Amino acid sequence: MVKKFLFLFAALFLAALLSGCDDSALLEDESGAQTNRVMATVNGVPLMSDTLEMYIATWGEEYEKNHEPVDYALLKRMRTQKLEQMINEELVKQRLKECSMTVSEEEIKEHISKMIDDLGGSDNFINFLQERGYVTLEELEKNVRDDILALKVFSKDMGIKQPTEEEVKKCYEEVKEALVVPARIWLSHIQVSFDTRMLPDGSKEVFADEYLRYIKDQIEHKYISFAKAARDYSSCRSAQHDGAVGMILETDTVTVPQEIHDAAFKLAVSNVSDVVVSPLGAHLLYVTRREEAHTNTYEESKLLLLQYMARDVLEKNRDEWLLFLRNRADIHYNEMP
């Protein structure tokens, strides 16, 4: 089934293939301090132990939190995999650097614009960046540039041609039923929560209801906008974005509380809801935009289909491409895994 591919192409090249490293401890100098050493070289470029050990320490801590103590065999396997991943990453990095291909600013903007649209708008896009540790948009643009370039170089090395218009149209007809976009809304809300220790028993919902009705009355009489009311009164972190929580699909009944979902999809655009009580608190809802369910046209789906077809080709040829890069490289292990 076709999905919205919001992944970065380089991640498919690099993260999917993990295999290679050594289980010996870090060497110590005469003072007893651990030393950083060369684990392997790729065309003369050293891969250092500190990168590997830092990854293993973080991975091991997380693994033991969720599973069991790491035994010798598992530790050896993971260190081996991490070293091989580091080698693959360096091979791809060197291959991209030696190629004369370029990526235009238009290509980068097109891909990022598509990501923003698929994520449901700028607020969700910002959350996406924060969740993945991007501090600046420039960092994402650099990764997108590398992703596009990696795909171009991969296609050149493997002799893969761009799909013809006929092939893309055929793909569209085959997957058209999966390209149905369910009804969706762009939702904002004001959420209030109270410390029940400060209120008489059983009065929490009543007090919340009265408080939000007062806020709604201000909005409807145009004493204040919904956005300002969200900034001033909402206890949700969405308040810093004027109460915007982003795009919600009608089919999404998992990540959104049922009470909010049902009330929001009955609400007309630019109207303020009655008070809605959910497990998260009490809310006023506000729909800023609505799109009914529809099937994307061929032109609307073309970029997505090209990404889908590229992913399929990549998955079938990725191992062969990495083998091609390894066969033409001078890889030296200082310590055999």
C-alpha atoms as a PDB file:
ATOM      1  CA  MET A   1       0.000   0.000   0.000  1.00  0.00           C
ATOM      2  CA  VAL A   2       1.280   3.436  -0.884  1.00  0.00           C
ATOM      3  CA  LYS A   3       2.010   5.611   2.134  1.00  0.00           C
ATOM      4  CA  LYS A   4       3.267   9.179   2.447  1.00  0.00           C
ATOM      5  CA  PHE A   5       7.012   8.748   2.397  1.00  0.00           C
ATOM      6  CA  LEU A   6       8.304  11.412   4.768  1.00  0.00           C
ATOM      7  CA  PHE A   7      11.586   9.576   5.200  1.00  0.00           C
ATOM      8  CA  LEU A   8      14.947  10.887   3.996  1.00  0.00           C
ATOM      9  CA  PHE A   9      16.510   8.790   1.238  1.00  0.00           C
ATOM     10  CA  ALA A  10      19.943   8.699   2.879  1.00  0.00           C
ATOM     11  CA  ALA A  11      18.462   6.998   5.916  1.00  0.00           C
ATOM     12  CA  LEU A  12      17.453   4.116   3.685  1.00  0.00           C
ATOM     13  CA  PHE A  13      20.990   3.809   2.397  1.00  0.00           C
ATOM     14  CA  LEU A  14      22.699   4.061   5.754  1.00  0.00           C
ATOM     15  CA  ALA A  15      20.448   3.032   8.607  1.00  0.00           C
ATOM     16  CA  ALA A  16      19.070  -0.171   7.132  1.00  0.00           C
ATOM     17  CA  LEU A  17      22.451  -1.869   6.841  1.00  0.00           C
ATOM     18  CA  LEU A  18      24.078  -2.374  10.220  1.00  0.00           C
ATOM     19  CA  SER A  19      26.890  -4.904  10.445  1.00  0.00           C
ATOM     20  CA  GLY A  20      30.527  -4.717  11.733  1.00  0.00           C
ATOM     21  CA  CYS A  21      32.866  -3.994  14.905  1.00  0.00           C
ATOM     22  CA  ASP A  22      35.106  -5.261  17.645  1.00  0.00           C
ATOM     23  CA  ASP A  23      34.451  -6.173  21.245  1.00  0.00           C
ATOM     24  CA  SER A  24      37.785  -5.231  22.833  1.00  0.00           C
ATOM     25  CA  ALA A  25      37.935  -2.494  25.460  1.00  0.00           C
ATOM     26  CA  LEU A  26      39.389   0.939  24.792  1.00  0.00           C
ATOM     27  CA  LEU A  27      43.139   1.077  25.154  1.00  0.00           C
ATOM     28  CA  GLU A  28      44.571   3.015  28.056  1.00  0.00           C
ATOM     29  CA  ASP A  29      47.565   5.304  28.081  1.00  0.00           C
ATOM     30  CA  GLU A  30      50.176   5.261  30.847  1.00  0.00           C
ATOM     31  CA  SER A  31      47.973   7.365  33.137  1.00  0.00           C
ATOM     32  CA  GLY A  32      45.162   4.821  32.839  1.00  0.00           C
ATOM     33  CA  ALA A  33      42.912   7.137  30.749  1.00  0.00           C
ATOM     34  CA  GLN A  34      41.026   5.632  27.821  1.00  0.00           C
ATOM     35  CA  THR A  35      42.373   6.597  24.419  1.00  0.00           C
ATOM     36  CA  ASN A  36      40.610   7.217  21.157  1.00  0.00           C
ATOM     37  CA  ARG A  37      41.915   4.923  18.454  1.00  0.00           C
ATOM     38  CA  VAL A  38      41.408   4.116  14.793  1.00  0.00           C
ATOM     39  CA  MET A  39      39.009   1.203  14.341  1.00  0.00           C
ATOM     40  CA  ALA A  40      39.233   1.104  10.536  1.00  0.00           C
ATOM     41  CA  THR A  41      40.188   3.258   7.560  1.00  0.00           C
ATOM     42  CA  VAL A  42      38.158   3.843   4.399  1.00  0.00           C
ATOM     43  CA  ASN A  43      40.339   5.073   1.544  1.00  0.00           C
ATOM     44  CA  GLY A  44      42.694   6.450   4.178  1.00  0.00           C
ATOM     45  CA  VAL A  45      39.978   8.167   6.238  1.00  0.00           C
ATOM     46  CA  PRO A  46      40.100   6.951   9.874  1.00  0.00           C
ATOM     47  CA  LEU A  47      36.976   5.813  11.718  1.00  0.00           C
ATOM     48  CA  MET A  48      37.526   6.453  15.408  1.00  0.00           C
ATOM     49  CA  SER A  49      36.555   4.358  18.406  1.00  0.00           C
ATOM     50  CA  ASP A  50      34.990   7.240  20.352  1.00  0.00           C
ATOM     51  CA  THR A  51      32.112   7.475  17.868  1.00  0.00           C
ATOM     52  CA  LEU A  52      31.457   3.773  18.116  1.00  0.00           C
ATOM     53  CA  GLU A  53      31.783   3.575  21.898  1.00  0.00           C
ATOM     54  CA  MET A  54      29.521   6.578  22.433  1.00  0.00           C
ATOM     55  CA  TYR A  55      26.824   4.918  20.324  1.00  0.00           C
ATOM     56  CA  ILE A  56      27.219   1.564  22.114  1.00  0.00           C
ATOM     57  CA  ALA A  57      27.029   3.202  25.565  1.00  0.00           C
ATOM     58  CA  THR A  58      23.774   4.988  24.676  1.00  0.00           C
ATOM     59  CA  TRP A  59      22.312   1.910  22.990  1.00  0.00           C
ATOM     60  CA  GLY A  60      23.281  -0.361  25.895  1.00  0.00           C
ATOM     61  CA  GLU A  61      21.706   1.933  28.483  1.00  0.00           C
ATOM     62  CA  GLU A  62      18.447   2.112  26.524  1.00  0.00           C
ATOM     63  CA  TYR A  63      18.422  -1.642  25.830  1.00  0.00           C
ATOM     64  CA  GLU A  64      18.862  -2.559  29.482  1.00  0.00           C
ATOM     65  CA  LYS A  65      16.049  -0.202  30.493  1.00  0.00           C
ATOM     66  CA  ASN A  66      13.586  -1.994  28.245  1.00  0.00           C
ATOM     67  CA  HIS A  67      14.939  -5.544  28.089  1.00  0.00           C
ATOM     68  CA  GLU A  68      17.659  -7.256  30.097  1.00  0.00           C
ATOM     69  CA  PRO A  69      21.399  -6.920  30.793  1.00  0.00           C
ATOM     70  CA  VAL A  70      23.488  -6.957  27.611  1.00  0.00           C
ATOM     71  CA  ASP A  71      25.471 -10.161  27.300  1.00  0.00           C
ATOM     72  CA  TYR A  72      28.847 -10.623  25.579  1.00  0.00           C
ATOM     73  CA  ALA A  73      27.455 -12.088  22.322  1.00  0.00           C
ATOM     74  CA  LEU A  74      24.911  -9.277  21.850  1.00  0.00           C
ATOM     75  CA  LEU A  75      27.480  -6.585  22.648  1.00  0.00           C
ATOM     76  CA  LYS A  76      29.921  -8.062  20.117  1.00  0.00           C
ATOM     77  CA  ARG A  77      27.205  -8.247  17.458  1.00  0.00           C
ATOM     78  CA  MET A  78      26.080  -4.654  17.990  1.00  0.00           C
ATOM     79  CA  ARG A  79      29.625  -3.271  17.944  1.00  0.00           C
ATOM     80  CA  THR A  80      30.282  -5.234  14.759  1.00  0.00           C
ATOM     81  CA  GLN A  81      27.106  -3.853  13.176  1.00  0.00           C
ATOM     82  CA  LYS A  82      27.918  -0.278  14.208  1.00  0.00           C
ATOM     83  CA  LEU A  83      31.401  -0.379  12.711  1.00  0.00           C
ATOM     84  CA  GLU A  84      30.035  -1.705   9.415  1.00  0.00           C
ATOM     85  CA  GLN A  85      27.411   1.040   9.442  1.00  0.00           C
ATOM     86  CA  MET A  86      30.154   3.643   9.964  1.00  0.00           C
ATOM     87  CA  ILE A  87      32.062   2.178   6.994  1.00  0.00           C
ATOM     88  CA  ASN A  88      28.960   2.268   4.772  1.00  0.00           C
ATOM     89  CA  GLU A  89      28.237   5.867   5.769  1.00  0.00           C
ATOM     90  CA  GLU A  90      31.796   6.925   4.966  1.00  0.00           C
ATOM     91  CA  LEU A  91      31.673   5.123   1.603  1.00  0.00           C
ATOM     92  CA  VAL A  92      28.476   6.934   0.618  1.00  0.00           C
ATOM     93  CA  LYS A  93      29.840  10.265   1.880  1.00  0.00           C
ATOM     94  CA  GLN A  94      33.009   9.870  -0.206  1.00  0.00           C
ATOM     95  CA  ARG A  95      31.052   8.770  -3.279  1.00  0.00           C
ATOM     96  CA  LEU A  96      28.781  11.815  -3.090  1.00  0.00           C
ATOM     97  CA  LYS A  97      31.787  14.109  -2.707  1.00  0.00           C
ATOM     98  CA  GLU A  98      33.603  12.729  -5.737  1.00  0.00           C
ATOM     99  CA  CYS A  99      30.602  13.009  -8.075  1.00  0.00           C
ATOM    100  CA  SER A 100      30.050  16.182 -10.051  1.00  0.00           C
ATOM    101  CA  MET A 101      26.253  16.072  -9.698  1.00  0.00           C
ATOM    102  CA  THR A 102      24.410  18.951  -8.044  1.00  0.00           C
ATOM    103  CA  VAL A 103      21.038  19.549  -6.409  1.00  0.00           C
ATOM    104  CA  SER A 104      19.146  22.769  -7.140  1.00  0.00           C
ATOM    105  CA  GLU A 105      17.494  24.954  -4.518  1.00  0.00           C
ATOM    106  CA  GLU A 106      14.191  24.342  -6.324  1.00  0.00           C
ATOM    107  CA  GLU A 107      14.515  20.579  -5.807  1.00  0.00           C
ATOM    108  CA  ILE A 108      15.155  21.068  -2.089  1.00  0.00           C
ATOM    109  CA  LYS A 109      12.247  23.481  -1.678  1.00  0.00           C
ATOM    110  CA  GLU A 110       9.915  21.163  -3.584  1.00  0.00           C
ATOM    111  CA  HIS A 111      10.718  18.244  -1.291  1.00  0.00           C
ATOM    112  CA  ILE A 112      10.383  20.305   1.897  1.00  0.00           C
ATOM    113  CA  SER A 113       7.113  21.868   0.688  1.00  0.00           C
ATOM    114  CA  LYS A 114       5.780  18.368   0.082  1.00  0.00           C
ATOM    115  CA  MET A 115       6.833  17.332   3.594  1.00  0.00           C
ATOM    116  CA  ILE A 116       5.054  20.347   5.133  1.00  0.00           C
ATOM    117  CA  ASP A 117       1.874  19.581   3.194  1.00  0.00           C
ATOM    118  CA  ASP A 118       1.918  15.871   4.064  1.00  0.00           C
ATOM    119  CA  LEU A 119       2.499  16.658   7.748  1.00  0.00           C
ATOM    120  CA  GLY A 120      -0.518  18.926   7.813  1.00  0.00           C
ATOM    121  CA  GLY A 121       1.041  22.376   7.986  1.00  0.00           C
ATOM    122  CA  SER A 122       3.837  24.427   9.465  1.00  0.00           C
ATOM    123  CA  ASP A 123       3.095  23.711  13.145  1.00  0.00           C
ATOM    124  CA  ASN A 124       3.262  19.942  12.622  1.00  0.00           C
ATOM    125  CA  PHE A 125       6.380  20.430  10.508  1.00  0.00           C
ATOM    126  CA  ILE A 126       8.070  22.315  13.365  1.00  0.00           C
ATOM    127  CA  ASN A 127       7.144  19.504  15.758  1.00  0.00           C
ATOM    128  CA  PHE A 128       8.564  16.994  13.251  1.00  0.00           C
ATOM    129  CA  LEU A 129      11.891  18.854  13.213  1.00  0.00           C
ATOM    130  CA  GLN A 130      12.049  19.107  17.002  1.00  0.00           C
ATOM    131  CA  GLU A 131      11.246  15.412  17.503  1.00  0.00           C
ATOM    132  CA  ARG A 132      14.113  14.476  15.189  1.00  0.00           C
ATOM    133  CA  GLY A 133      16.608  16.840  16.799  1.00  0.00           C
ATOM    134  CA  TYR A 134      16.894  19.469  14.050  1.00  0.00           C
ATOM    135  CA  VAL A 135      17.932  22.786  15.594  1.00  0.00           C
ATOM    136  CA  THR A 136      17.666  24.803  12.371  1.00  0.00           C
ATOM    137  CA  LEU A 137      15.952  24.495   9.011  1.00  0.00           C
ATOM    138  CA  GLU A 138      19.404  24.665   7.399  1.00  0.00           C
ATOM    139  CA  GLU A 139      20.238  21.288   8.968  1.00  0.00           C
ATOM    140  CA  LEU A 140      17.179  19.721   7.347  1.00  0.00           C
ATOM    141  CA  GLU A 141      17.959  21.377   4.001  1.00  0.00           C
ATOM    142  CA  LYS A 142      21.473  19.915   4.096  1.00  0.00           C
ATOM    143  CA  ASN A 143      20.096  16.429   4.780  1.00  0.00           C
ATOM    144  CA  VAL A 144      17.494  16.772   2.031  1.00  0.00           C
ATOM    145  CA  ARG A 145      20.230  17.913  -0.369  1.00  0.00           C
ATOM    146  CA  ASP A 146      22.339  14.867   0.546  1.00  0.00           C
ATOM    147  CA  ASP A 147      19.316  12.580   0.192  1.00  0.00           C
ATOM    148  CA  ILE A 148      18.479  13.810  -3.300  1.00  0.00           C
ATOM    149  CA  LEU A 149      22.134  13.674  -4.333  1.00  0.00           C
ATOM    150  CA  ALA A 150      22.483  10.143  -2.921  1.00  0.00           C
ATOM    151  CA  LEU A 151      19.522   8.999  -4.980  1.00  0.00           C
ATOM    152  CA  LYS A 152      20.966  10.589  -8.125  1.00  0.00           C
ATOM    153  CA  VAL A 153      24.377   8.980  -7.598  1.00  0.00           C
ATOM    154  CA  PHE A 154      22.780   5.642  -6.719  1.00  0.00           C
ATOM    155  CA  SER A 155      20.753   5.762  -9.957  1.00  0.00           C
ATOM    156  CA  LYS A 156      23.855   6.630 -11.999  1.00  0.00           C
ATOM    157  CA  ASP A 157      26.027   3.892 -10.467  1.00  0.00           C
ATOM    158  CA  MET A 158      23.351   1.231 -10.862  1.00  0.00           C
ATOM    159  CA  GLY A 159      22.269   2.353 -14.342  1.00  0.00           C
ATOM    160  CA  ILE A 160      18.731   3.114 -13.170  1.00  0.00           C
ATOM    161  CA  LYS A 161      16.701   5.391 -15.411  1.00  0.00           C
ATOM    162  CA  GLN A 162      13.908   7.755 -14.397  1.00  0.00           C
ATOM    163  CA  PRO A 163      10.501   6.077 -14.868  1.00  0.00           C
ATOM    164  CA  THR A 164       8.706   7.064 -18.053  1.00  0.00           C
ATOM    165  CA  GLU A 165       5.406   8.913 -17.947  1.00  0.00           C
ATOM    166  CA  GLU A 166       3.658   5.717 -19.046  1.00  0.00           C
ATOM    167  CA  GLU A 167       5.237   3.727 -16.199  1.00  0.00           C
ATOM    168  CA  VAL A 168       4.200   6.318 -13.609  1.00  0.00           C
ATOM    169  CA  LYS A 169       0.640   6.413 -14.968  1.00  0.00           C
ATOM    170  CA  LYS A 170       0.480   2.609 -14.851  1.00  0.00           C
ATOM    171  CA  CYS A 171       1.628   2.718 -11.216  1.00  0.00           C
ATOM    172  CA  TYR A 172      -1.071   5.313 -10.479  1.00  0.00           C
ATOM    173  CA  GLU A 173      -3.806   3.064 -11.862  1.00  0.00           C
ATOM    174  CA  GLU A 174      -2.504   0.127  -9.811  1.00  0.00           C
ATOM    175  CA  VAL A 175      -2.468   1.992  -6.504  1.00  0.00           C
ATOM    176  CA  LYS A 176      -5.204   4.593  -7.052  1.00  0.00           C
ATOM    177  CA  GLU A 177      -7.486   3.053  -4.432  1.00  0.00           C
ATOM    178  CA  ALA A 178      -4.748   3.553  -1.842  1.00  0.00           C
ATOM    179  CA  LEU A 179      -4.456   7.251  -2.708  1.00  0.00           C
ATOM    180  CA  VAL A 180      -7.778   8.157  -1.107  1.00  0.00           C
ATOM    181  CA  VAL A 181      -7.257  11.042   1.298  1.00  0.00           C
ATOM    182  CA  PRO A 182      -9.738  10.832   4.196  1.00  0.00           C
ATOM    183  CA  ALA A 183     -11.588  13.913   5.359  1.00  0.00           C
ATOM    184  CA  ARG A 184      -9.328  16.109   7.461  1.00  0.00           C
ATOM    185  CA  ILE A 185      -9.494  19.255   9.535  1.00  0.00           C
ATOM    186  CA  TRP A 186      -6.979  21.718  10.932  1.00  0.00           C
ATOM    187  CA  LEU A 187      -7.811  22.131  14.599  1.00  0.00           C
ATOM    188  CA  SER A 188      -7.019  24.649  17.322  1.00  0.00           C
ATOM    189  CA  HIS A 189      -8.145  24.408  20.935  1.00  0.00           C
ATOM    190  CA  ILE A 190      -8.114  26.047  24.331  1.00  0.00           C
ATOM    191  CA  GLN A 191      -7.533  23.603  27.158  1.00  0.00           C
ATOM    192  CA  VAL A 192      -7.900  24.333  30.838  1.00  0.00           C
ATOM    193  CA  SER A 193      -6.882  22.154  33.723  1.00  0.00           C
ATOM    194  CA  PHE A 194      -7.206  22.735  37.436  1.00  0.00           C
ATOM    195  CA  ASP A 195      -5.529  21.390  40.525  1.00  0.00           C
ATOM    196  CA  THR A 196      -8.363  19.405  42.096  1.00  0.00           C
ATOM    197  CA  ARG A 197      -6.824  19.988  45.542  1.00  0.00           C
ATOM    198  CA  MET A 198      -7.826  23.641  45.190  1.00  0.00           C
ATOM    199  CA  LEU A 199     -11.511  22.838  44.507  1.00  0.00           C
ATOM    200  CA  PRO A 200     -14.388  21.259  46.470  1.00  0.00           C
ATOM    201  CA  ASP A 201     -14.998  17.575  45.677  1.00  0.00           C
ATOM    202  CA  GLY A 202     -16.826  17.042  42.379  1.00  0.00           C
ATOM    203  CA  SER A 203     -16.647  20.669  41.277  1.00  0.00           C
ATOM    204  CA  LYS A 204     -13.796  20.365  38.785  1.00  0.00           C
ATOM    205  CA  GLU A 205     -15.873  19.831  35.618  1.00  0.00           C
ATOM    206  CA  VAL A 206     -18.491  22.390  36.641  1.00  0.00           C
ATOM    207  CA  PHE A 207     -15.845  25.044  37.289  1.00  0.00           C
ATOM    208  CA  ALA A 208     -14.048  24.232  34.012  1.00  0.00           C
ATOM    209  CA  ASP A 209     -17.323  24.469  32.120  1.00  0.00           C
ATOM    210  CA  GLU A 210     -18.128  27.890  33.565  1.00  0.00           C
ATOM    211  CA  TYR A 211     -14.608  29.164  32.985  1.00  0.00           C
ATOM    212  CA  LEU A 212     -14.574  28.108  29.306  1.00  0.00           C
ATOM    213  CA  ARG A 213     -18.088  29.477  28.718  1.00  0.00           C
ATOM    214  CA  TYR A 214     -16.787  32.842  29.924  1.00  0.00           C
ATOM    215  CA  ILE A 215     -13.878  32.613  27.443  1.00  0.00           C
ATOM    216  CA  LYS A 216     -16.219  31.548  24.608  1.00  0.00           C
ATOM    217  CA  ASP A 217     -18.507  34.505  25.350  1.00  0.00           C
ATOM    218  CA  GLN A 218     -15.548  36.890  25.001  1.00  0.00           C
ATOM    219  CA  ILE A 219     -14.605  35.339  21.644  1.00  0.00           C
ATOM    220  CA  GLU A 220     -18.133  35.380  20.223  1.00  0.00           C
ATOM    221  CA  HIS A 221     -18.604  39.012  21.218  1.00  0.00           C
ATOM    222  CA  LYS A 222     -15.282  39.776  19.533  1.00  0.00           C
ATOM    223  CA  TYR A 223     -13.629  41.118  22.670  1.00  0.00           C
ATOM    224  CA  ILE A 224     -10.772  38.743  21.968  1.00  0.00           C
ATOM    225  CA  SER A 225      -9.691  36.454  19.121  1.00  0.00           C
ATOM    226  CA  PHE A 226      -9.536  32.686  19.538  1.00  0.00           C
ATOM    227  CA  ALA A 227      -5.762  32.821  18.949  1.00  0.00           C
ATOM    228  CA  LYS A 228      -5.207  35.400  21.697  1.00  0.00           C
ATOM    229  CA  ALA A 229      -7.548  33.555  24.057  1.00  0.00           C
ATOM    230  CA  ALA A 230      -5.507  30.389  23.481  1.00  0.00           C
ATOM    231  CA  ARG A 231      -2.290  32.265  24.236  1.00  0.00           C
ATOM    232  CA  ASP A 232      -3.759  33.844  27.376  1.00  0.00           C
ATOM    233  CA  TYR A 233      -5.823  31.023  28.860  1.00  0.00           C
ATOM    234  CA  SER A 234      -4.849  27.615  27.454  1.00  0.00           C
ATOM    235  CA  SER A 235      -2.799  25.286  29.641  1.00  0.00           C
ATOM    236  CA  CYS A 236      -1.730  23.207  26.612  1.00  0.00           C
ATOM    237  CA  ARG A 237       1.711  23.817  25.083  1.00  0.00           C
ATOM    238  CA  SER A 238      -0.117  24.536  21.803  1.00  0.00           C
ATOM    239  CA  ALA A 239      -0.891  27.940  23.351  1.00  0.00           C
ATOM    240  CA  GLN A 240       2.446  29.202  22.047  1.00  0.00           C
ATOM    241  CA  HIS A 241       1.120  28.432  18.532  1.00  0.00           C
ATOM    242  CA  ASP A 242      -2.216  30.219  19.059  1.00  0.00           C
ATOM    243  CA  GLY A 243      -3.780  26.918  20.146  1.00  0.00           C
ATOM    244  CA  ALA A 244      -3.071  25.148  16.845  1.00  0.00           C
ATOM    245  CA  VAL A 245      -2.682  21.379  17.165  1.00  0.00           C
ATOM    246  CA  GLY A 246      -2.445  20.777  13.412  1.00  0.00           C
ATOM    247  CA  MET A 247      -4.148  18.479  10.949  1.00  0.00           C
ATOM    248  CA  ILE A 248      -6.384  15.623  12.101  1.00  0.00           C
ATOM    249  CA  LEU A 249      -7.635  12.830   9.860  1.00  0.00           C
ATOM    250  CA  GLU A 250     -11.205  11.609  10.245  1.00  0.00           C
ATOM    251  CA  THR A 251      -9.807   8.069  10.367  1.00  0.00           C
ATOM    252  CA  ASP A 252      -7.535   8.915  13.310  1.00  0.00           C
ATOM    253  CA  THR A 253      -9.333   7.736  16.416  1.00  0.00           C
ATOM    254  CA  VAL A 254      -6.186   6.617  18.232  1.00  0.00           C
ATOM    255  CA  THR A 255      -3.979   9.666  18.797  1.00  0.00           C
ATOM    256  CA  VAL A 256      -6.923  12.046  19.335  1.00  0.00           C
ATOM    257  CA  PRO A 257      -9.339  11.522  22.255  1.00  0.00           C
ATOM    258  CA  GLN A 258     -12.709  10.320  20.949  1.00  0.00           C
ATOM    259  CA  GLU A 259     -14.582  13.210  22.583  1.00  0.00           C
ATOM    260  CA  ILE A 260     -12.419  15.790  20.784  1.00  0.00           C
ATOM    261  CA  HIS A 261     -12.467  13.871  17.481  1.00  0.00           C
ATOM    262  CA  ASP A 262     -16.264  13.566  17.363  1.00  0.00           C
ATOM    263  CA  ALA A 263     -16.961  17.169  18.363  1.00  0.00           C
ATOM    264  CA  ALA A 264     -14.322  18.613  16.015  1.00  0.00           C
ATOM    265  CA  PHE A 265     -15.608  16.851  12.908  1.00  0.00           C
ATOM    266  CA  LYS A 266     -19.147  18.115  13.582  1.00  0.00           C
ATOM    267  CA  LEU A 267     -17.914  21.693  13.957  1.00  0.00           C
ATOM    268  CA  ALA A 268     -18.207  24.224  11.131  1.00  0.00           C
ATOM    269  CA  VAL A 269     -15.123  26.145  10.067  1.00  0.00           C
ATOM    270  CA  SER A 270     -14.441  29.296  12.132  1.00  0.00           C
ATOM    271  CA  ASN A 271     -17.009  28.362  14.801  1.00  0.00           C
ATOM    272  CA  VAL A 272     -16.198  27.866  18.476  1.00  0.00           C
ATOM    273  CA  SER A 273     -17.470  24.621  19.995  1.00  0.00           C
ATOM    274  CA  ASP A 274     -19.347  24.152  23.217  1.00  0.00           C
ATOM    275  CA  VAL A 275     -17.242  22.914  26.102  1.00  0.00           C
ATOM    276  CA  VAL A 276     -15.809  19.450  25.385  1.00  0.00           C
ATOM    277  CA  VAL A 277     -14.519  17.333  28.273  1.00  0.00           C
ATOM    278  CA  SER A 278     -11.896  14.684  27.516  1.00  0.00           C
ATOM    279  CA  PRO A 279      -9.357  12.734  29.571  1.00  0.00           C
ATOM    280  CA  LEU A 280      -6.940  15.592  28.841  1.00  0.00           C
ATOM    281  CA  GLY A 281      -9.150  18.273  30.375  1.00  0.00           C
ATOM    282  CA  ALA A 282     -11.856  20.675  29.240  1.00  0.00           C
ATOM    283  CA  HIS A 283     -11.629  22.300  25.807  1.00  0.00           C
ATOM    284  CA  LEU A 284     -12.995  24.846  23.389  1.00  0.00           C
ATOM    285  CA  LEU A 285     -12.415  23.668  19.800  1.00  0.00           C
ATOM    286  CA  TYR A 286     -11.957  25.768  16.670  1.00  0.00           C
ATOM    287  CA  VAL A 287     -11.607  24.425  13.120  1.00  0.00           C
ATOM    288  CA  THR A 288      -9.573  26.690  10.838  1.00  0.00           C
ATOM    289  CA  ARG A 289      -9.771  24.564   7.669  1.00  0.00           C
ATOM    290  CA  ARG A 290     -11.586  21.487   6.389  1.00  0.00           C
ATOM    291  CA  GLU A 291     -11.059  19.162   3.415  1.00  0.00           C
ATOM    292  CA  GLU A 292     -13.529  16.450   2.448  1.00  0.00           C
ATOM    293  CA  ALA A 293     -12.407  12.945   1.535  1.00  0.00           C
ATOM    294  CA  HIS A 294     -11.118  12.664  -2.027  1.00  0.00           C
ATOM    295  CA  THR A 295      -8.825  10.674  -4.297  1.00  0.00           C
ATOM    296  CA  ASN A 296      -5.715  12.533  -5.411  1.00  0.00           C
ATOM    297  CA  THR A 297      -5.451  13.089  -9.146  1.00  0.00           C
ATOM    298  CA  TYR A 298      -2.530  11.775 -11.152  1.00  0.00           C
ATOM    299  CA  GLU A 299      -0.835  15.178 -11.163  1.00  0.00           C
ATOM    300  CA  GLU A 300      -1.297  15.563  -7.399  1.00  0.00           C
ATOM    301  CA  SER A 301       0.129  12.073  -6.855  1.00  0.00           C
ATOM    302  CA  LYS A 302       2.999  12.182  -9.339  1.00  0.00           C
ATOM    303  CA  LEU A 303       5.756  13.260  -6.922  1.00  0.00           C
ATOM    304  CA  LEU A 304       4.591  10.735  -4.320  1.00  0.00           C
ATOM    305  CA  LEU A 305       4.517   7.971  -6.961  1.00  0.00           C
ATOM    306  CA  LEU A 306       8.049   8.821  -8.104  1.00  0.00           C
ATOM    307  CA  GLN A 307       9.225   8.607  -4.475  1.00  0.00           C
ATOM    308  CA  TYR A 308       7.388   5.300  -4.062  1.00  0.00           C
ATOM    309  CA  MET A 309       8.911   3.851  -7.229  1.00  0.00           C
ATOM    310  CA  ALA A 310      12.375   5.139  -6.268  1.00  0.00           C
ATOM    311  CA  ARG A 311      12.037   3.504  -2.848  1.00  0.00           C
ATOM    312  CA  ASP A 312      11.078   0.197  -4.437  1.00  0.00           C
ATOM    313  CA  VAL A 313      14.085   0.314  -6.766  1.00  0.00           C
ATOM    314  CA  LEU A 314      16.345   1.369  -3.906  1.00  0.00           C
ATOM    315  CA  GLU A 315      15.279  -1.528  -1.683  1.00  0.00           C
ATOM    316  CA  LYS A 316      15.928  -4.025  -4.462  1.00  0.00           C
ATOM    317  CA  ASN A 317      19.374  -2.621  -5.316  1.00  0.00           C
ATOM    318  CA  ARG A 318      20.703  -1.108  -2.074  1.00  0.00           C
ATOM    319  CA  ASP A 319      22.856  -4.062  -1.053  1.00  0.00           C
ATOM    320  CA  GLU A 320      24.297  -4.318  -4.546  1.00  0.00           C
ATOM    321  CA  TRP A 321      25.183  -0.617  -4.528  1.00  0.00           C
ATOM    322  CA  LEU A 322      26.973  -0.846  -1.174  1.00  0.00           C
ATOM    323  CA  LEU A 323      28.849  -3.894  -2.453  1.00  0.00           C
ATOM    324  CA  PHE A 324      29.825  -1.866  -5.551  1.00  0.00           C
ATOM    325  CA  LEU A 325      31.175   0.918  -3.298  1.00  0.00           C
ATOM    326  CA  ARG A 326      33.033  -1.550  -1.085  1.00  0.00           C
ATOM    327  CA  ASN A 327      34.656  -3.374  -4.018  1.00  0.00           C
ATOM    328  CA  ARG A 328      36.154  -0.138  -5.343  1.00  0.00           C
ATOM    329  CA  ALA A 329      37.335   1.084  -1.921  1.00  0.00           C
ATOM    330  CA  ASP A 330      40.419   0.443   0.196  1.00  0.00           C
ATOM    331  CA  ILE A 331      38.977  -0.678   3.545  1.00  0.00           C
ATOM    332  CA  HIS A 332      41.400  -1.644   6.281  1.00  0.00           C
ATOM    333  CA  TYR A 333      40.358  -3.023   9.686  1.00  0.00           C
ATOM    334  CA  ASN A 334      42.884  -2.221  12.404  1.00  0.00           C
ATOM    335  CA  GLU A 335      41.207  -4.796  14.621  1.00  0.00           C
ATOM    336  CA  MET A 336      39.090  -7.568  13.159  1.00  0.00           C
ATOM    337  CA  PRO A 337      35.536  -7.632  14.556  1.00  0.00           C
END
